[in-house]
Amino acid sequence: MRIIIVGAGLSGLMAAQSCVQAGHDVIVFDKGRSVGGRLATRRVGTAVLDHGAQFFTVREAAFQSHVDAWISAGVAREWCRGFGADDGHPRYVGANGMTSIAKHLAIGLDIRCSSLVFSMSRVESEWHITTDDGVVHVADRVILTAPLPQSFSLMFSAGLEMPADLRRIDYDRTLGLLVTLDSSQHQVPSPGGLQNPDEVFSFIGDNTAKGISESPALTFHANPAWSLQHFEDSTEDIHALLLAAAQPWLGSAVITESQVKKWRFATPQNLWPDACWVDETNTLVIAGDAFAGPRMEGAALSGLAAASAVCH
C-alpha cells in the first residue's frame, strides 16, 4: 500500500518504520526543518542542549524491546534512576541528545521536512494529500500524528468529523530557557535534574551531567501554569522573566548565552482511552501522545498501534 504519515515526531517515525518493515511504500511529511518533534536538541556555541523532552521512562514490555534496540545501537542510554532519590526506574536519554533517537529512526525512511500538508481529501478509494508547494500526493492509507488541533484542521478541510471528545483535548504550553555558562558552579545537583524545584520551573536539566554537552549548559522548563500566563508576552519579556527566575539556580556561574523556546503543544491535558483512532473506512488513523500516554512511551506505542491498524 501507499501510506502517507503526517508528522515526523516519535509517533510518526515509529509508525513509519513499522509500515516499511511490513513492505509498504511510506512517505512522511513534517513542517519542521528536521525530524523528531519534541525530541529536540540544539547546539549553542560549543554546548549541546535538549530543549524539548528531557528524558523518558519505560513501563511496557512492548516499548522496552525498542529501547533495548536503541541502546544496542548506541543511540540511547540510561541517565539515572531518579532525581534526588533512587526509585528504581531508569531515566533514559538520547546518547548525543534526544534527537539522536529520532535521527536513528529516520534512517531508511522517505521523510520530507519543511513540507506542510495543506489539505487532504477522499477521492473514491484514495486519499489525496496536498502539500504547500501545490503537489498532490496519492495514498491508500493516511496516519495523522501531528498535535490534535492540526490534525483536526486537516480533517475539517476534507469534510471529515473528528470525535468531539478527541477534538476537545487541549495541550499544556511550555516556555523554555536555554543557557550556556562559564563554569559548572551552578545549583543543579547530581545526577543533573530537578523536578518542580520552585514556583516557576517544572524541570531544570544539566546537559553536562546528562552527558551530552562538554560545555556547561542548563535547560529550564517553566511549568504549565506559568507558561500559560506568559505565553503571549513578547519574546523579550519572556526572556527577561525566565532569566530572573533562573538566577537562584546559577550559583556563581555566569550566563554566556541564552535563548527562549516556546512549545505550544507540549503535553496533552487528558487522554483518549485507546492507543489510536481509526475512521469508519479503516484507511485514516490518528495517533500521538494524546492516545497511549503523554510520555515518549505513549507516543511510541500509539505510533505502533496506528501502523498495526493500517497494515493489517
Protein backbone atom coordinates (compact mmCIF):
# COMPACT_ATOMS: atom_id res chain seq x y z
CA MET A 1 0.00 0.00 0.00
CA ARG A 2 0.90 3.66 -0.35
CA ILE A 3 0.90 5.20 3.12
CA ILE A 4 1.33 8.86 3.99
CA ILE A 5 2.19 9.88 7.54
CA VAL A 6 1.83 13.46 8.69
CA GLY A 7 4.32 14.32 11.44
CA ALA A 8 7.90 13.11 11.93
CA GLY A 9 7.86 13.08 15.72
CA LEU A 10 8.35 9.86 17.65
CA SER A 11 4.84 8.56 16.94
CA GLY A 12 5.13 9.17 13.20
CA LEU A 13 8.62 7.70 12.99
CA MET A 14 7.63 4.56 14.87
CA ALA A 15 4.60 4.14 12.62
CA ALA A 16 6.69 4.69 9.50
CA GLN A 17 9.34 2.16 10.48
CA SER A 18 6.67 -0.44 11.25
CA CYS A 19 4.84 0.13 7.95
CA VAL A 20 8.07 -0.02 5.93
CA GLN A 21 9.05 -3.25 7.66
CA ALA A 22 5.64 -4.65 6.61
CA GLY A 23 6.55 -3.94 2.98
CA HIS A 24 4.54 -0.79 2.28
CA ASP A 25 5.57 2.41 0.48
CA VAL A 26 5.68 5.22 3.05
CA ILE A 27 6.19 8.98 2.83
CA VAL A 28 6.43 11.10 5.98
CA PHE A 29 5.72 14.83 5.80
CA ASP A 30 6.73 17.29 8.51
CA LYS A 31 6.52 21.07 8.51
CA GLY A 32 9.64 21.34 10.68
CA ARG A 33 13.18 21.62 9.43
CA SER A 34 14.21 18.28 10.91
CA VAL A 35 12.74 15.10 12.35
CA GLY A 36 11.91 14.49 15.99
CA GLY A 37 9.27 16.97 17.07
CA ARG A 38 9.85 17.35 20.79
CA LEU A 39 12.88 15.05 20.58
CA ALA A 40 14.80 18.25 20.03
CA THR A 41 18.46 19.02 20.60
CA ARG A 42 20.16 22.33 19.88
CA ARG A 43 23.79 23.37 19.65
CA VAL A 44 24.62 26.77 21.14
CA GLY A 45 28.28 27.56 20.56
CA THR A 46 30.21 24.60 21.95
CA ALA A 47 27.29 23.47 24.14
CA VAL A 48 24.60 20.90 23.33
CA LEU A 49 21.18 21.22 24.96
CA ASP A 50 17.99 19.15 24.88
CA HIS A 51 15.24 21.74 24.68
CA GLY A 52 12.19 19.50 24.27
CA ALA A 53 11.79 16.14 26.02
CA GLN A 54 14.46 15.80 28.69
CA PHE A 55 14.34 12.04 29.32
CA PHE A 56 11.95 9.11 29.11
CA THR A 57 10.91 6.08 31.13
CA VAL A 58 9.64 2.62 30.23
CA ARG A 59 6.69 0.79 31.76
CA GLU A 60 5.56 -1.55 28.96
CA ALA A 61 7.49 -4.56 27.64
CA ALA A 62 6.49 -3.64 24.07
CA PHE A 63 8.33 -0.34 24.38
CA GLN A 64 11.25 -1.82 26.34
CA SER A 65 12.14 -4.04 23.37
CA HIS A 66 12.55 -0.95 21.18
CA VAL A 67 14.54 0.90 23.83
CA ASP A 68 16.85 -2.10 24.22
CA ALA A 69 17.45 -1.98 20.46
CA TRP A 70 18.26 1.75 20.67
CA ILE A 71 20.72 1.08 23.48
CA SER A 72 22.37 -1.69 21.48
CA ALA A 73 22.64 0.70 18.52
CA GLY A 74 24.33 3.29 20.74
CA VAL A 75 21.67 5.96 20.29
CA ALA A 76 20.16 5.79 23.80
CA ARG A 77 21.43 5.05 27.31
CA GLU A 78 20.39 5.22 30.93
CA TRP A 79 20.92 8.58 32.62
CA CYS A 80 19.86 7.91 36.21
CA ARG A 81 17.19 6.28 38.36
CA GLY A 82 15.52 9.30 39.86
CA PHE A 83 16.31 12.87 40.79
CA GLY A 84 17.23 13.05 44.45
CA ALA A 85 16.19 9.54 45.47
CA ASP A 86 16.70 6.32 43.52
CA ASP A 87 13.22 5.00 42.71
CA GLY A 88 14.46 2.05 40.64
CA HIS A 89 13.03 3.33 37.35
CA PRO A 90 15.69 4.14 34.74
CA ARG A 91 15.54 7.54 33.07
CA TYR A 92 16.80 7.15 29.52
CA VAL A 93 18.21 9.81 27.21
CA GLY A 94 19.49 10.06 23.67
CA ALA A 95 23.20 9.29 23.59
CA ASN A 96 24.05 12.61 21.92
CA GLY A 97 20.84 14.40 22.78
CA MET A 98 17.24 13.32 22.39
CA THR A 99 17.36 13.98 18.66
CA SER A 100 19.76 11.00 18.38
CA ILE A 101 16.79 8.66 18.71
CA ALA A 102 14.74 10.46 16.06
CA LYS A 103 17.64 10.51 13.59
CA HIS A 104 18.19 6.80 14.16
CA LEU A 105 14.54 6.00 13.50
CA ALA A 106 14.60 8.15 10.35
CA ILE A 107 17.30 6.03 8.69
CA GLY A 108 15.93 4.46 5.53
CA LEU A 109 12.65 6.40 5.55
CA ASP A 110 11.35 8.79 2.89
CA ILE A 111 10.89 11.90 5.03
CA ARG A 112 10.01 15.29 3.54
CA CYS A 113 10.86 18.00 6.09
CA SER A 114 9.92 21.67 5.67
CA SER A 115 6.84 20.31 3.92
CA LEU A 116 3.47 21.45 5.27
CA VAL A 117 0.44 19.30 4.48
CA PHE A 118 -2.06 21.94 3.40
CA SER A 119 -5.19 19.83 2.86
CA MET A 120 -6.48 16.31 2.38
CA SER A 121 -9.48 14.83 0.61
CA ARG A 122 -11.04 11.45 -0.02
CA VAL A 123 -11.42 10.69 -3.75
CA GLU A 124 -13.20 7.36 -4.25
CA SER A 125 -10.89 4.81 -2.61
CA GLU A 126 -7.82 7.06 -2.43
CA TRP A 127 -6.56 9.89 -0.26
CA HIS A 128 -5.25 13.00 -1.94
CA ILE A 129 -2.76 14.89 0.23
CA THR A 130 -1.82 18.38 -0.93
CA THR A 131 1.38 19.98 0.36
CA ASP A 132 2.10 23.69 0.49
CA ASP A 133 4.03 23.54 -2.79
CA GLY A 134 0.78 22.60 -4.54
CA VAL A 135 1.75 18.99 -5.22
CA VAL A 136 -0.94 16.34 -4.71
CA HIS A 137 0.25 13.03 -3.25
CA VAL A 138 -1.97 9.96 -3.53
CA ALA A 139 -2.21 7.35 -0.78
CA ASP A 140 -4.23 4.29 0.19
CA ARG A 141 -3.83 4.97 3.91
CA VAL A 142 -3.11 8.07 5.98
CA ILE A 143 -1.78 8.36 9.54
CA LEU A 144 -2.00 11.75 11.26
CA THR A 145 0.41 12.16 14.19
CA ALA A 146 0.54 15.96 14.49
CA PRO A 147 -0.97 17.64 17.58
CA LEU A 148 -4.73 17.14 17.54
CA PRO A 149 -5.70 20.72 16.61
CA GLN A 150 -3.55 20.42 13.49
CA SER A 151 -5.00 17.01 12.63
CA PHE A 152 -8.49 18.43 13.17
CA SER A 153 -7.78 21.22 10.69
CA LEU A 154 -6.79 18.68 8.04
CA MET A 155 -9.88 16.59 8.69
CA PHE A 156 -12.05 19.70 8.55
CA SER A 157 -10.57 20.54 5.14
CA ALA A 158 -11.67 17.09 3.98
CA GLY A 159 -15.18 17.45 5.42
CA LEU A 160 -14.49 14.73 7.98
CA GLU A 161 -15.65 14.57 11.58
CA MET A 162 -13.29 14.06 14.50
CA PRO A 163 -14.97 12.74 17.67
CA ALA A 164 -15.94 15.69 19.86
CA ASP A 165 -14.13 14.38 22.94
CA LEU A 166 -10.97 13.90 20.90
CA ARG A 167 -11.26 17.35 19.35
CA ARG A 168 -11.59 18.96 22.77
CA ILE A 169 -8.29 17.60 24.11
CA ASP A 170 -6.03 20.59 24.73
CA TYR A 171 -2.32 20.79 25.44
CA ASP A 172 -0.28 22.46 28.13
CA ARG A 173 2.19 25.03 26.87
CA THR A 174 5.84 25.11 27.90
CA LEU A 175 8.18 28.07 27.86
CA GLY A 176 11.83 27.11 27.95
CA LEU A 177 15.13 28.84 28.60
CA LEU A 178 18.46 27.54 27.31
CA VAL A 179 21.61 28.92 28.92
CA THR A 180 25.30 28.30 28.44
CA LEU A 181 27.59 29.06 31.37
CA ASP A 182 31.21 29.98 32.01
CA SER A 183 31.56 27.27 34.68
CA SER A 184 29.77 24.34 36.31
CA GLN A 185 29.37 26.17 39.62
CA HIS A 186 25.58 26.16 39.43
CA GLN A 187 22.98 24.82 41.89
CA VAL A 188 21.68 21.77 39.99
CA PRO A 189 22.95 18.76 41.94
CA SER A 190 23.88 15.30 40.67
CA PRO A 191 22.56 13.49 38.69
CA GLY A 192 21.66 16.73 36.91
CA GLY A 193 17.91 17.14 37.09
CA LEU A 194 15.43 18.99 39.32
CA GLN A 195 11.70 18.37 39.05
CA ASN A 196 9.33 21.14 40.19
CA PRO A 197 12.05 22.91 42.20
CA ASP A 198 10.14 26.19 42.63
CA GLU A 199 7.00 28.09 41.62
CA VAL A 200 8.22 28.78 38.07
CA PHE A 201 10.04 25.72 36.77
CA SER A 202 8.79 22.19 36.22
CA PHE A 203 12.25 20.90 35.28
CA ILE A 204 15.84 22.06 35.24
CA GLY A 205 18.30 19.87 33.36
CA ASP A 206 22.09 19.90 33.42
CA ASN A 207 23.09 18.87 29.91
CA THR A 208 26.69 18.27 31.00
CA ALA A 209 25.70 15.91 33.81
CA LYS A 210 23.37 14.21 31.35
CA GLY A 211 26.43 13.54 29.21
CA ILE A 212 25.51 15.35 26.01
CA SER A 213 27.39 18.64 26.39
CA GLU A 214 31.08 19.18 27.02
CA SER A 215 30.42 22.83 27.90
CA PRO A 216 28.28 23.83 30.91
CA ALA A 217 24.66 24.28 29.80
CA LEU A 218 21.28 24.21 31.54
CA THR A 219 17.75 23.76 30.19
CA PHE A 220 14.87 25.36 32.15
CA HIS A 221 11.24 24.42 31.51
CA ALA A 222 8.56 26.65 33.03
CA ASN A 223 5.55 24.85 34.49
CA PRO A 224 2.20 24.80 32.62
CA ALA A 225 0.52 27.48 34.76
CA TRP A 226 3.41 29.94 34.42
CA SER A 227 3.80 29.16 30.73
CA LEU A 228 0.10 29.77 30.05
CA GLN A 229 0.20 33.06 31.97
CA HIS A 230 3.12 34.40 29.93
CA PHE A 231 2.83 32.58 26.60
CA GLU A 232 1.52 35.60 24.69
CA ASP A 233 4.07 38.01 26.19
CA SER A 234 6.74 39.32 23.86
CA THR A 235 9.80 37.12 23.44
CA GLU A 236 11.90 39.84 25.06
CA ASP A 237 9.66 39.94 28.16
CA ILE A 238 9.57 36.15 28.43
CA HIS A 239 13.34 36.03 28.14
CA ALA A 240 13.83 38.61 30.89
CA LEU A 241 11.36 36.90 33.24
CA LEU A 242 12.92 33.47 32.74
CA LEU A 243 16.43 34.82 33.25
CA ALA A 244 15.34 36.40 36.53
CA ALA A 245 13.65 33.20 37.69
CA ALA A 246 16.72 31.14 36.75
CA GLN A 247 19.16 33.31 38.69
CA PRO A 248 18.89 31.46 42.04
CA TRP A 249 19.91 28.22 40.29
CA LEU A 250 23.03 29.62 38.66
CA GLY A 251 25.24 29.86 41.76
CA SER A 252 28.49 31.60 40.85
CA ALA A 253 28.24 30.57 37.19
CA VAL A 254 27.69 33.37 34.69
CA ILE A 255 25.49 33.05 31.61
CA THR A 256 27.44 33.39 28.35
CA GLU A 257 24.49 32.92 26.01
CA SER A 258 20.74 32.33 26.40
CA GLN A 259 17.73 31.55 24.21
CA VAL A 260 13.97 31.18 24.68
CA LYS A 261 12.00 28.21 23.33
CA LYS A 262 8.19 28.04 23.09
CA TRP A 263 6.28 24.76 22.90
CA ARG A 264 2.58 25.36 22.16
CA PHE A 265 1.65 21.66 22.20
CA ALA A 266 3.88 20.37 24.98
CA THR A 267 1.73 17.89 26.91
CA PRO A 268 -1.88 16.75 26.38
CA GLN A 269 -4.09 17.69 29.32
CA ASN A 270 -6.14 14.49 29.10
CA LEU A 271 -6.00 11.29 27.07
CA TRP A 272 -8.09 9.39 24.56
CA PRO A 273 -8.72 5.91 26.05
CA ASP A 274 -7.48 3.96 23.01
CA ALA A 275 -3.98 3.81 21.53
CA CYS A 276 -5.20 5.45 18.29
CA TRP A 277 -8.40 6.42 16.48
CA VAL A 278 -9.45 4.76 13.22
CA ASP A 279 -12.10 6.16 10.88
CA GLU A 280 -15.02 4.09 9.59
CA THR A 281 -13.23 3.27 6.32
CA ASN A 282 -10.21 1.87 8.20
CA THR A 283 -7.98 4.00 5.96
CA LEU A 284 -7.39 7.04 8.19
CA VAL A 285 -5.76 6.81 11.63
CA ILE A 286 -4.95 9.49 14.20
CA ALA A 287 -2.14 8.78 16.66
CA GLY A 288 0.24 10.58 19.00
CA ASP A 289 0.94 11.23 22.65
CA ALA A 290 -2.69 12.14 23.39
CA PHE A 291 -3.63 8.48 23.00
CA ALA A 292 -1.47 5.89 24.73
CA GLY A 293 0.00 8.44 27.15
CA PRO A 294 1.70 11.84 27.14
CA ARG A 295 5.17 10.50 27.72
CA MET A 296 7.51 9.29 25.00
CA GLU A 297 6.40 5.74 25.67
CA GLY A 298 2.81 6.67 24.93
CA ALA A 299 3.72 8.37 21.66
CA ALA A 300 5.78 5.37 20.57
CA LEU A 301 3.08 2.81 21.40
CA SER A 302 0.44 4.93 19.69
CA GLY A 303 2.53 5.05 16.52
CA LEU A 304 2.92 1.28 16.59
CA ALA A 305 -0.82 0.85 17.12
CA ALA A 306 -1.53 3.14 14.17
CA ALA A 307 0.77 1.12 11.93
CA SER A 308 -0.94 -2.08 13.01
CA ALA A 309 -4.34 -0.55 12.26
CA VAL A 310 -3.49 0.39 8.66
CA CYS A 311 -1.22 -2.54 7.82
CA HIS A 312 -3.46 -5.39 8.92
